[in-house]
């Protein structure tokens, strides 16, 4: 997969003599200009917040314990940056992750079946690669990677974990998204065992660093945490822990898996 176009561009503004009021015409801003302006405001909002600094510290502490340097970010279920302020903030945080961790733009990948042409343009402006092959979360991560999945469904997390259900692969993944223990607490045991066995089994082995609340817009990063498993703490390869039941059918009402 190749990288997208370059990062944000800022045009120089030069003085133009004013025309007479009668000849002056109003031009509506293009979709790209409007999206760029919203992105710029969001970046400024996040960059000036104490919340971003606190989360960056938590992230670095977590990655120090993780013991590996991620070289890729897989973003799933982002939503529409053009239509949603929450998705726009999450996209800007994704860019911050990339820059802080010094990950090559070509290794920052995003997939969501709801992306519009305008959303794809936003991704290009942020130097994020769109994945057009929607594998419904079933992406194999063979090298240290961050799975950035804020507010994704349990099914999407389950599909990602099942696809990487081995000591080698699971120990390569840092999840930044919903605190998976919350799914375990909120789901009946029988449903967990049949529909979300990977989440149910992995949660006790996770190291978790929960982000603080983002006060201006609490819903954007609500219940978001850095989560990972350390290889030495996982069960041995011959343990029944790794024997999964047959995968459940995809939920027909799961909007992010279609």
Protein backbone atom coordinates (compact mmCIF):
# COMPACT_ATOMS: atom_id res chain seq x y z
CA UNK A 1 0.00 0.00 0.00
CA UNK A 2 1.37 3.41 -0.94
CA UNK A 3 1.19 6.63 1.08
CA UNK A 4 -1.37 9.28 0.30
CA UNK A 5 -0.70 12.87 -0.67
CA UNK A 6 1.30 15.20 1.59
CA UNK A 7 0.38 16.71 4.96
CA UNK A 8 -1.52 19.90 5.72
CA UNK A 9 -0.83 22.80 3.38
CA UNK A 10 -1.30 26.44 4.33
CA UNK A 11 -1.65 28.95 1.52
CA UNK A 12 -0.04 32.37 1.80
CA UNK A 13 -2.62 35.14 1.77
CA UNK A 14 -1.71 38.24 -0.25
CA UNK A 15 -3.47 41.60 -0.44
CA UNK A 16 -5.88 42.10 -3.32
CA UNK A 17 -7.31 45.52 -4.19
CA UNK A 18 -10.96 45.73 -3.31
CA UNK A 19 -13.38 45.78 -6.21
CA UNK A 20 -16.48 47.86 -6.29
CA UNK A 21 -19.38 46.50 -4.26
CA UNK A 22 -21.48 45.98 -7.38
CA UNK A 23 -18.91 43.76 -9.06
CA UNK A 24 -17.96 41.80 -5.97
CA UNK A 25 -19.15 38.20 -6.01
CA UNK A 26 -19.45 35.81 -3.14
CA UNK A 27 -17.88 32.40 -3.56
CA UNK A 28 -18.84 29.58 -1.24
CA UNK A 29 -15.82 27.79 0.24
CA UNK A 30 -15.03 24.44 -1.32
CA UNK A 31 -15.66 21.25 0.60
CA UNK A 32 -11.89 20.76 0.92
CA UNK A 33 -11.33 24.31 2.26
CA UNK A 34 -14.14 23.93 4.77
CA UNK A 35 -12.83 20.55 5.95
CA UNK A 36 -9.30 21.94 6.20
CA UNK A 37 -10.53 24.82 8.35
CA UNK A 38 -12.36 22.46 10.71
CA UNK A 39 -9.30 20.24 10.97
CA UNK A 40 -7.08 23.22 11.72
CA UNK A 41 -9.38 24.36 14.52
CA UNK A 42 -9.53 20.86 15.97
CA UNK A 43 -5.75 20.48 15.90
CA UNK A 44 -5.38 23.84 17.67
CA UNK A 45 -7.97 22.81 20.28
CA UNK A 46 -6.25 19.51 21.07
CA UNK A 47 -2.71 20.87 20.95
CA UNK A 48 -3.46 23.52 23.55
CA UNK A 49 -5.12 21.09 25.99
CA UNK A 50 -3.56 19.69 29.16
CA UNK A 51 -5.49 16.52 28.31
CA UNK A 52 -3.29 15.80 25.29
CA UNK A 53 -0.12 16.17 27.34
CA UNK A 54 -1.51 13.83 30.03
CA UNK A 55 -2.50 11.20 27.46
CA UNK A 56 0.89 11.41 25.76
CA UNK A 57 2.57 10.73 29.10
CA UNK A 58 0.29 7.74 29.73
CA UNK A 59 0.98 6.42 26.25
CA UNK A 60 4.74 6.64 26.69
CA UNK A 61 4.52 4.92 30.08
CA UNK A 62 2.44 2.15 28.56
CA UNK A 63 4.75 1.63 25.60
CA UNK A 64 7.74 1.53 27.94
CA UNK A 65 6.10 -1.40 29.74
CA UNK A 66 5.05 -2.93 26.40
CA UNK A 67 8.74 -3.15 25.50
CA UNK A 68 8.37 -2.81 21.72
CA UNK A 69 8.27 0.17 19.40
CA UNK A 70 5.14 0.14 17.20
CA UNK A 71 5.86 0.69 13.52
CA UNK A 72 2.26 0.75 12.26
CA UNK A 73 -1.13 2.15 13.27
CA UNK A 74 -4.35 0.48 12.14
CA UNK A 75 -7.40 2.71 12.66
CA UNK A 76 -10.81 1.05 12.46
CA UNK A 77 -14.33 2.44 12.84
CA UNK A 78 -13.27 6.09 12.91
CA UNK A 79 -16.54 7.45 11.55
CA UNK A 80 -16.90 10.48 9.30
CA UNK A 81 -14.46 13.35 10.02
CA UNK A 82 -16.50 15.62 7.76
CA UNK A 83 -19.83 14.96 9.46
CA UNK A 84 -18.76 14.26 13.04
CA UNK A 85 -16.76 16.51 15.38
CA UNK A 86 -15.95 13.43 17.49
CA UNK A 87 -14.46 11.61 14.50
CA UNK A 88 -12.52 14.74 13.59
CA UNK A 89 -10.98 14.94 17.08
CA UNK A 90 -10.11 11.26 16.95
CA UNK A 91 -8.49 11.71 13.53
CA UNK A 92 -6.37 14.57 14.87
CA UNK A 93 -5.38 12.43 17.85
CA UNK A 94 -4.40 9.67 15.41
CA UNK A 95 -2.10 12.13 13.64
CA UNK A 96 -0.65 13.11 17.03
CA UNK A 97 0.05 9.44 17.79
CA UNK A 98 1.85 9.07 14.48
CA UNK A 99 4.00 12.14 15.06
CA UNK A 100 4.86 11.36 18.69
CA UNK A 101 5.83 7.78 17.85
CA UNK A 102 7.57 8.84 14.62
CA UNK A 103 5.69 6.30 12.51
CA UNK A 104 5.96 6.62 8.72
CA UNK A 105 2.75 8.05 7.21
CA UNK A 106 2.55 5.11 4.79
CA UNK A 107 2.16 2.84 7.84
CA UNK A 108 -0.87 4.70 9.24
CA UNK A 109 -3.92 2.95 7.80
CA UNK A 110 -7.63 3.65 8.27
CA UNK A 111 -10.74 1.72 7.26
CA UNK A 112 -14.40 2.52 7.77
CA UNK A 113 -17.12 1.56 5.27
CA UNK A 114 -18.91 4.87 5.87
CA UNK A 115 -16.04 7.03 4.54
CA UNK A 116 -17.32 9.52 1.97
CA UNK A 117 -15.27 11.24 -0.72
CA UNK A 118 -14.93 14.19 1.64
CA UNK A 119 -13.69 11.92 4.42
CA UNK A 120 -11.11 10.38 2.10
CA UNK A 121 -9.95 13.91 1.28
CA UNK A 122 -9.55 14.58 5.02
CA UNK A 123 -7.44 11.44 5.36
CA UNK A 124 -5.22 12.62 2.51
CA UNK A 125 -4.79 16.02 4.12
CA UNK A 126 -3.73 14.26 7.32
CA UNK A 127 -1.39 11.91 5.43
CA UNK A 128 -3.36 8.83 6.48
CA UNK A 129 -3.75 5.90 4.07
CA UNK A 130 -7.29 4.68 3.38
CA UNK A 131 -7.73 0.92 3.40
CA UNK A 132 -10.37 0.04 0.84
CA UNK A 133 -10.32 -3.67 1.64
CA UNK A 134 -12.83 -3.94 4.49
CA UNK A 135 -11.92 -7.16 6.30
CA UNK A 136 -14.42 -6.48 9.10
CA UNK A 137 -11.59 -6.17 11.60
CA UNK A 138 -9.83 -9.36 10.53
CA UNK A 139 -6.37 -7.87 9.93
CA UNK A 140 -3.26 -9.86 10.79
CA UNK A 141 -0.70 -7.75 12.66
CA UNK A 142 2.65 -9.49 12.38
CA UNK A 143 4.75 -6.59 13.68
CA UNK A 144 4.38 -4.25 16.68
CA UNK A 145 1.29 -2.18 15.91
CA UNK A 146 -1.27 0.11 17.46
CA UNK A 147 -4.93 -0.71 16.84
CA UNK A 148 -6.67 2.64 17.21
CA UNK A 149 -10.36 1.79 17.66
CA UNK A 150 -12.24 4.36 19.78
CA UNK A 151 -15.93 3.51 20.24
CA UNK A 152 -15.82 0.40 18.07
CA UNK A 153 -18.23 -2.46 18.65
CA UNK A 154 -17.30 -5.57 20.60
CA UNK A 155 -17.62 -7.58 17.38
CA UNK A 156 -14.93 -5.52 15.64
CA UNK A 157 -12.54 -6.01 18.58
CA UNK A 158 -13.36 -9.71 18.68
CA UNK A 159 -12.62 -10.13 14.96
CA UNK A 160 -9.25 -8.41 15.31
CA UNK A 161 -8.26 -10.50 18.31
CA UNK A 162 -9.41 -13.78 16.73
CA UNK A 163 -7.38 -13.06 13.59
CA UNK A 164 -4.32 -12.56 15.82
CA UNK A 165 -5.04 -15.32 18.32
CA UNK A 166 -1.49 -16.46 19.08
CA UNK A 167 1.17 -15.49 21.58
CA UNK A 168 3.35 -13.96 18.88
CA UNK A 169 0.62 -11.79 17.34
CA UNK A 170 -1.21 -10.71 20.48
CA UNK A 171 2.04 -9.58 22.04
CA UNK A 172 2.51 -7.27 19.04
CA UNK A 173 -0.74 -5.33 19.54
CA UNK A 174 -1.43 -2.21 21.57
CA UNK A 175 -5.14 -1.38 21.55
CA UNK A 176 -6.12 2.24 22.02
CA UNK A 177 -9.87 2.18 22.29
CA UNK A 178 -12.72 1.13 24.52
CA UNK A 179 -11.68 -0.45 27.81
CA UNK A 180 -12.32 -4.11 26.94
CA UNK A 181 -13.07 -5.03 30.56
CA UNK A 182 -16.24 -2.95 30.26
CA UNK A 183 -17.56 -5.36 27.61
CA UNK A 184 -16.90 -8.28 29.94
CA UNK A 185 -18.70 -6.58 32.82
CA UNK A 186 -21.70 -5.58 30.69
CA UNK A 187 -22.23 -8.82 28.73
CA UNK A 188 -23.91 -12.01 30.01
CA UNK A 189 -21.44 -14.86 30.56
CA UNK A 190 -23.03 -17.17 28.01
CA UNK A 191 -22.94 -14.50 25.29
CA UNK A 192 -19.31 -13.73 26.13
CA UNK A 193 -18.35 -17.39 25.79
CA UNK A 194 -20.10 -17.87 22.46
CA UNK A 195 -19.76 -14.48 20.72
CA UNK A 196 -16.76 -12.79 22.34
CA UNK A 197 -14.50 -15.54 23.69
CA UNK A 198 -11.29 -13.71 22.75
CA UNK A 199 -12.25 -10.58 24.67
CA UNK A 200 -13.40 -12.63 27.66
CA UNK A 201 -10.19 -14.67 27.81
CA UNK A 202 -7.72 -11.88 27.10
CA UNK A 203 -9.01 -9.21 29.50
CA UNK A 204 -7.44 -10.75 32.67
CA UNK A 205 -4.00 -10.58 31.01
CA UNK A 206 -4.21 -6.96 29.82
CA UNK A 207 -2.10 -4.11 31.12
CA UNK A 208 -4.43 -1.08 31.06
CA UNK A 209 -3.75 2.67 31.18
CA UNK A 210 -7.04 4.61 31.12
CA UNK A 211 -7.09 8.07 29.56
CA UNK A 212 -8.45 10.92 31.68
CA UNK A 213 -11.76 12.47 30.68
CA UNK A 214 -11.55 15.05 27.92
CA UNK A 215 -13.47 17.79 29.70
CA UNK A 216 -14.60 19.97 26.76
CA UNK A 217 -16.11 17.00 24.88
CA UNK A 218 -16.30 14.03 27.25
CA UNK A 219 -17.95 11.64 24.78
CA UNK A 220 -15.09 11.81 22.25
CA UNK A 221 -12.63 9.75 24.27
CA UNK A 222 -14.97 8.30 26.88
CA UNK A 223 -13.72 5.02 28.34
CA UNK A 224 -10.61 5.10 26.13
CA UNK A 225 -7.53 3.20 27.30
CA UNK A 226 -4.12 1.94 26.20
CA UNK A 227 -4.23 -1.87 26.50
CA UNK A 228 -1.79 -4.66 25.73
CA UNK A 229 -0.67 -8.12 26.80
CA UNK A 230 2.93 -9.08 27.56
CA UNK A 231 4.07 -12.32 25.95
CA UNK A 232 5.62 -13.77 29.11
CA UNK A 233 2.31 -13.41 30.96
CA UNK A 234 0.16 -15.22 28.40
CA UNK A 235 -0.66 -18.95 28.77
CA UNK A 236 1.61 -21.53 27.16
CA UNK A 237 0.89 -22.36 23.53
CA UNK A 238 -0.47 -25.81 24.42
CA UNK A 239 -2.94 -24.36 26.94
CA UNK A 240 -6.69 -24.69 26.26
CA UNK A 241 -6.80 -20.89 26.45
CA UNK A 242 -5.97 -20.85 22.74
CA UNK A 243 -8.72 -23.30 21.70
CA UNK A 244 -11.56 -21.13 20.48
CA UNK A 245 -15.15 -22.13 19.66
CA UNK A 246 -16.32 -21.67 16.09
CA UNK A 247 -16.66 -18.00 15.18
CA UNK A 248 -20.17 -16.57 15.52
CA UNK A 249 -21.94 -15.10 12.53
CA UNK A 250 -21.45 -11.36 12.04
CA UNK A 251 -24.20 -9.32 13.68
CA UNK A 252 -26.49 -7.97 10.99
CA UNK A 253 -27.05 -4.74 12.95
CA UNK A 254 -23.37 -3.98 13.44
CA UNK A 255 -22.94 -0.84 11.33
CA UNK A 256 -19.14 -1.01 11.30
CA UNK A 257 -19.05 -4.55 9.91
CA UNK A 258 -20.60 -4.66 6.51
